[in-house]
Amino acid sequence: MEHEMLHHNWMGSYILLSYAIAVAASYMSLELAGRAGRVFNSASSRFWLIAQALVLGYGIWAMHFVGMMAFQVNAATSLNYPITILSGLIAVAFVYPALLVLHSGAFTLRRLAIAGAIAGTGIVAMHYSGMAAYRMPGTELQINVVALIASIIIAVGASMAALFLFHTLTSDWARRQTRARLNLLKAGAAAVMSVAITGMHYTGMAALQFKVVDEMKLGLAADGIDTTLLALVIGVVSFLLMGLALTSVLMDAGRGGDLDDLDFGSAAD
């Protein structure tokens, strides 16, 4: 007897929330990039670099987690929480060395490719380890190889694009822009980055297909994950983290910053 694939639906509100989290994380990481990359060897720069890695890494993980909640099936589902937490740590653990590589010397395409490959590997590892934590009794997981390869390519490409934007915000070109123009560019860049980040996630989700092998074990959706509560908690924590990062940036700007060349608003348009 041939088993059929598990039917699923997508909840639009969770998809929108996952994108909003990605936008917030992308914008704040772009904001922090301007502080992390100007005098790389300074203690101040290292502080902002760590903050950038935490915000971007956690933001990508939170977007991924909420995106998983958007995947609705009529089956009992559960999460392995240690693996879920580990997947978040993986994202930060790969983003930080990618930023170190990017800022540790003169900007070149080779350096960008290496940093992008490191960050992209982290995103892929985070995504699929997070999916490994998603348990659904009565099903058998199958891999769509084409979608899997596409998700890896998107992850590396999105990472390279993000890192290029981070570099751009530490360049002489950025210093010649007015603050208003730079903020507008950051907002646009964050929106584009978020499309790539969420695109990788949902392509990765398409790479994993669940075949029903035991209908008796599927159970009822009501016995599974409380997606509403989890999504709410993750969303609140995410925006609190972004808020704390923004507060730090504003306080630093109010003090004039630790680095002399952080004043973008002094340039003439």
Protein backbone atom coordinates (compact mmCIF):
# COMPACT_ATOMS: atom_id res chain seq x y z
CA MET A 1 0.00 0.00 0.00
CA GLU A 2 1.37 3.37 -1.03
CA HIS A 3 1.30 5.98 1.72
CA GLU A 4 0.17 9.52 0.97
CA MET A 5 1.92 12.73 1.94
CA LEU A 6 0.67 14.58 5.01
CA HIS A 7 -1.62 17.48 4.13
CA HIS A 8 -0.73 20.86 5.62
CA ASN A 9 -1.78 24.51 5.60
CA TRP A 10 0.07 27.75 6.20
CA MET A 11 -1.11 30.32 8.76
CA GLY A 12 -0.64 33.76 7.23
CA SER A 13 -0.39 35.62 10.55
CA TYR A 14 2.66 33.58 11.58
CA ILE A 15 4.26 34.10 8.17
CA LEU A 16 3.84 37.85 8.55
CA LEU A 17 5.21 37.72 12.11
CA SER A 18 8.25 35.74 10.95
CA TYR A 19 8.93 38.37 8.27
CA ALA A 20 8.49 41.22 10.78
CA ILE A 21 11.03 39.60 13.11
CA ALA A 22 13.45 39.19 10.19
CA VAL A 23 13.04 42.87 9.26
CA ALA A 24 13.64 44.03 12.84
CA ALA A 25 16.71 41.81 13.21
CA SER A 26 18.09 42.86 9.82
CA TYR A 27 17.62 46.58 10.49
CA MET A 28 19.22 46.42 13.94
CA SER A 29 22.14 44.35 12.63
CA LEU A 30 22.68 46.96 9.90
CA GLU A 31 22.59 49.67 12.55
CA LEU A 32 25.11 47.80 14.69
CA ALA A 33 27.34 47.12 11.68
CA GLY A 34 28.20 50.81 11.44
CA ARG A 35 29.53 50.69 14.98
CA ALA A 36 31.25 47.31 14.78
CA GLY A 37 33.38 47.74 11.70
CA ARG A 38 35.05 51.15 11.83
CA VAL A 39 37.96 50.52 14.20
CA PHE A 40 37.96 46.76 14.31
CA ASN A 41 40.64 46.21 16.93
CA SER A 42 39.07 48.48 19.53
CA ALA A 43 37.22 47.12 22.56
CA SER A 44 34.19 49.19 21.55
CA SER A 45 34.15 47.60 18.12
CA ARG A 46 34.29 44.09 19.56
CA PHE A 47 31.32 44.91 21.82
CA TRP A 48 29.20 46.02 18.86
CA LEU A 49 30.36 43.04 16.80
CA ILE A 50 29.17 40.60 19.48
CA ALA A 51 25.91 42.53 19.79
CA GLN A 52 25.45 42.35 16.02
CA ALA A 53 26.06 38.60 15.97
CA LEU A 54 23.59 38.05 18.82
CA VAL A 55 20.86 40.19 17.27
CA LEU A 56 21.21 38.75 13.76
CA GLY A 57 21.75 35.15 14.89
CA TYR A 58 18.86 35.16 17.35
CA GLY A 59 16.65 37.09 14.94
CA ILE A 60 17.16 34.50 12.18
CA TRP A 61 16.47 31.69 14.67
CA ALA A 62 13.31 33.38 15.98
CA MET A 63 12.09 33.95 12.42
CA HIS A 64 12.74 30.28 11.66
CA PHE A 65 10.89 29.15 14.79
CA VAL A 66 7.82 31.29 14.13
CA GLY A 67 7.93 30.15 10.50
CA MET A 68 7.74 26.56 11.74
CA MET A 69 4.65 27.50 13.73
CA ALA A 70 3.04 28.66 10.48
CA PHE A 71 3.19 25.06 9.26
CA GLN A 72 -0.21 23.69 10.32
CA VAL A 73 -0.98 19.95 10.21
CA ASN A 74 -3.81 17.84 11.62
CA ALA A 75 -1.44 15.71 13.69
CA ALA A 76 0.11 15.57 17.13
CA THR A 77 3.42 17.43 16.99
CA SER A 78 6.06 18.16 19.58
CA LEU A 79 9.47 19.80 19.91
CA ASN A 80 12.72 18.57 21.37
CA TYR A 81 13.56 21.73 23.32
CA PRO A 82 17.31 21.04 23.92
CA ILE A 83 17.82 20.65 20.15
CA THR A 84 15.67 23.72 19.51
CA ILE A 85 17.81 25.84 21.87
CA LEU A 86 21.00 24.37 20.38
CA SER A 87 19.86 25.40 16.89
CA GLY A 88 19.67 29.02 18.09
CA LEU A 89 23.17 28.86 19.53
CA ILE A 90 24.43 27.45 16.22
CA ALA A 91 23.19 30.52 14.36
CA VAL A 92 25.06 32.93 16.66
CA ALA A 93 28.15 30.69 16.73
CA PHE A 94 28.52 30.90 12.94
CA VAL A 95 27.49 34.54 12.43
CA TYR A 96 30.17 35.86 14.80
CA PRO A 97 33.19 34.27 13.06
CA ALA A 98 31.72 35.32 9.69
CA LEU A 99 31.74 38.93 10.91
CA LEU A 100 35.29 38.50 12.22
CA VAL A 101 36.45 37.29 8.80
CA LEU A 102 34.67 40.17 7.07
CA HIS A 103 36.30 42.85 9.24
CA SER A 104 39.74 41.30 9.76
CA GLY A 105 41.35 42.73 6.64
CA ALA A 106 40.86 44.59 3.39
CA PHE A 107 37.50 43.92 1.75
CA THR A 108 37.80 41.49 -1.18
CA LEU A 109 35.40 39.22 -3.03
CA ARG A 110 37.30 36.21 -1.66
CA ARG A 111 36.91 37.43 1.91
CA LEU A 112 33.22 38.09 1.30
CA ALA A 113 32.74 34.60 -0.15
CA ILE A 114 34.48 32.93 2.81
CA ALA A 115 32.47 34.94 5.35
CA GLY A 116 29.27 34.27 3.40
CA ALA A 117 29.98 30.54 3.30
CA ILE A 118 30.54 30.49 7.08
CA ALA A 119 27.35 32.41 7.86
CA GLY A 120 25.37 30.46 5.25
CA THR A 121 26.54 27.16 6.73
CA GLY A 122 25.39 28.35 10.14
CA ILE A 123 21.95 29.29 8.82
CA VAL A 124 21.55 25.94 7.07
CA ALA A 125 22.73 24.05 10.18
CA MET A 126 20.37 26.10 12.35
CA HIS A 127 17.41 25.46 10.05
CA TYR A 128 17.78 21.72 9.65
CA SER A 129 18.76 21.08 13.26
CA GLY A 130 15.67 23.06 14.24
CA MET A 131 13.60 20.90 11.92
CA ALA A 132 15.17 17.80 13.47
CA ALA A 133 13.65 18.95 16.77
CA TYR A 134 10.18 18.88 15.19
CA ARG A 135 8.60 15.53 16.00
CA MET A 136 5.51 14.09 14.33
CA PRO A 137 4.70 10.45 15.24
CA GLY A 138 3.19 8.36 12.47
CA THR A 139 5.13 10.06 9.68
CA GLU A 140 8.32 9.44 7.76
CA LEU A 141 10.48 12.36 6.67
CA GLN A 142 11.48 12.60 3.02
CA ILE A 143 13.93 15.04 1.42
CA ASN A 144 13.31 17.05 -1.73
CA VAL A 145 16.91 17.30 -2.96
CA VAL A 146 16.26 20.16 -5.38
CA ALA A 147 14.66 22.31 -2.66
CA LEU A 148 17.45 21.34 -0.25
CA ILE A 149 20.17 22.51 -2.64
CA ALA A 150 18.18 25.67 -3.40
CA SER A 151 17.90 26.46 0.32
CA ILE A 152 21.68 26.13 0.74
CA ILE A 153 22.36 28.39 -2.24
CA ILE A 154 19.88 30.97 -0.94
CA ALA A 155 21.43 30.84 2.56
CA VAL A 156 24.96 31.48 1.28
CA GLY A 157 23.79 34.11 -1.22
CA ALA A 158 21.69 35.92 1.40
CA SER A 159 24.63 35.84 3.83
CA MET A 160 26.98 37.34 1.24
CA ALA A 161 24.45 40.05 0.42
CA ALA A 162 24.00 40.87 4.11
CA LEU A 163 27.75 40.95 4.76
CA PHE A 164 28.26 43.19 1.73
CA LEU A 165 25.69 45.60 3.17
CA PHE A 166 27.48 45.47 6.54
CA HIS A 167 30.75 46.37 4.79
CA THR A 168 29.05 49.17 2.84
CA LEU A 169 27.86 50.79 6.08
CA THR A 170 31.45 50.99 7.33
CA SER A 171 32.83 52.46 4.09
CA ASP A 172 33.77 56.02 3.18
CA TRP A 173 30.69 56.11 0.98
CA ALA A 174 28.46 55.69 4.04
CA ARG A 175 30.22 58.52 5.83
CA ARG A 176 29.33 60.90 3.00
CA GLN A 177 25.58 60.22 3.33
CA THR A 178 23.18 62.21 5.47
CA ARG A 179 21.69 60.42 8.45
CA ALA A 180 18.20 60.52 6.89
CA ARG A 181 19.38 58.97 3.64
CA LEU A 182 21.40 56.33 5.46
CA ASN A 183 18.42 55.37 7.62
CA LEU A 184 16.25 55.08 4.50
CA LEU A 185 18.86 52.87 2.84
CA LYS A 186 19.04 50.68 5.97
CA ALA A 187 15.26 50.26 5.97
CA GLY A 188 15.26 49.23 2.31
CA ALA A 189 18.22 46.91 2.80
CA ALA A 190 16.55 45.32 5.85
CA ALA A 191 13.40 44.64 3.81
CA VAL A 192 15.45 42.99 1.03
CA MET A 193 17.57 41.00 3.50
CA SER A 194 14.41 39.74 5.18
CA VAL A 195 12.97 38.50 1.90
CA ALA A 196 16.15 36.45 1.39
CA ILE A 197 16.19 35.18 4.99
CA THR A 198 12.54 34.13 5.01
CA GLY A 199 12.90 32.80 1.45
CA MET A 200 15.63 30.44 2.63
CA HIS A 201 13.46 29.26 5.52
CA TYR A 202 10.37 28.46 3.47
CA THR A 203 12.46 26.88 0.71
CA GLY A 204 14.04 24.75 3.43
CA MET A 205 10.59 23.83 4.69
CA ALA A 206 9.64 22.75 1.16
CA ALA A 207 12.69 20.47 1.16
CA LEU A 208 11.17 18.41 3.99
CA GLN A 209 8.08 16.38 3.23
CA PHE A 210 6.19 14.15 5.64
CA LYS A 211 4.77 10.83 4.45
CA VAL A 212 2.00 9.23 6.54
CA VAL A 213 3.07 5.72 7.60
CA ASP A 214 0.75 5.14 10.58
CA GLU A 215 -2.52 7.06 10.72
CA MET A 216 -3.26 5.77 14.22
CA LYS A 217 -0.22 7.57 15.60
CA LEU A 218 -0.99 10.91 13.98
CA GLY A 219 -3.38 11.88 16.77
CA LEU A 220 -5.06 15.25 16.89
CA ALA A 221 -3.57 18.69 16.38
CA ALA A 222 -4.97 19.74 19.77
CA ASP A 223 -2.55 17.34 21.44
CA GLY A 224 0.48 18.98 19.85
CA ILE A 225 2.38 22.21 20.24
CA ASP A 226 0.61 25.26 21.67
CA THR A 227 1.69 27.35 18.69
CA THR A 228 -0.14 30.48 19.76
CA LEU A 229 1.65 30.72 23.10
CA LEU A 230 5.07 29.81 21.68
CA ALA A 231 4.79 32.27 18.80
CA LEU A 232 3.66 35.00 21.20
CA VAL A 233 6.56 34.37 23.61
CA ILE A 234 9.14 34.28 20.83
CA GLY A 235 7.71 37.38 19.19
CA VAL A 236 7.72 39.36 22.45
CA VAL A 237 11.25 38.26 23.39
CA SER A 238 12.48 39.07 19.88
CA PHE A 239 11.13 42.60 19.88
CA LEU A 240 12.37 43.15 23.45
CA LEU A 241 15.85 42.15 22.30
CA MET A 242 15.63 44.48 19.30
CA GLY A 243 14.38 47.21 21.60
CA LEU A 244 17.33 46.76 23.96
CA ALA A 245 19.72 46.87 21.03
CA LEU A 246 18.06 50.03 19.72
CA THR A 247 18.23 51.62 23.18
CA SER A 248 21.97 50.86 23.33
CA VAL A 249 22.47 52.43 19.91
CA LEU A 250 20.52 55.55 20.88
CA MET A 251 22.40 55.90 24.17
CA ASP A 252 25.69 55.51 22.33
CA ALA A 253 24.62 58.12 19.79
CA GLY A 254 23.59 60.45 22.61
CA ARG A 255 27.08 60.19 24.09
CA GLY A 256 28.57 60.87 20.69
CA GLY A 257 29.80 57.27 20.39
CA ASP A 258 33.12 55.83 21.37
CA LEU A 259 34.51 56.24 17.88
CA ASP A 260 35.23 59.60 16.36
CA ASP A 261 33.93 58.76 12.92
CA LEU A 262 30.43 57.58 13.79
CA ASP A 263 28.73 60.89 13.04
CA PHE A 264 26.97 60.25 9.75
CA GLY A 265 24.82 63.34 10.02
CA SER A 266 27.59 65.87 9.54
CA ALA A 267 28.02 65.24 5.84
CA ALA A 268 26.43 67.64 3.40
CA ASP A 269 23.89 66.24 0.99
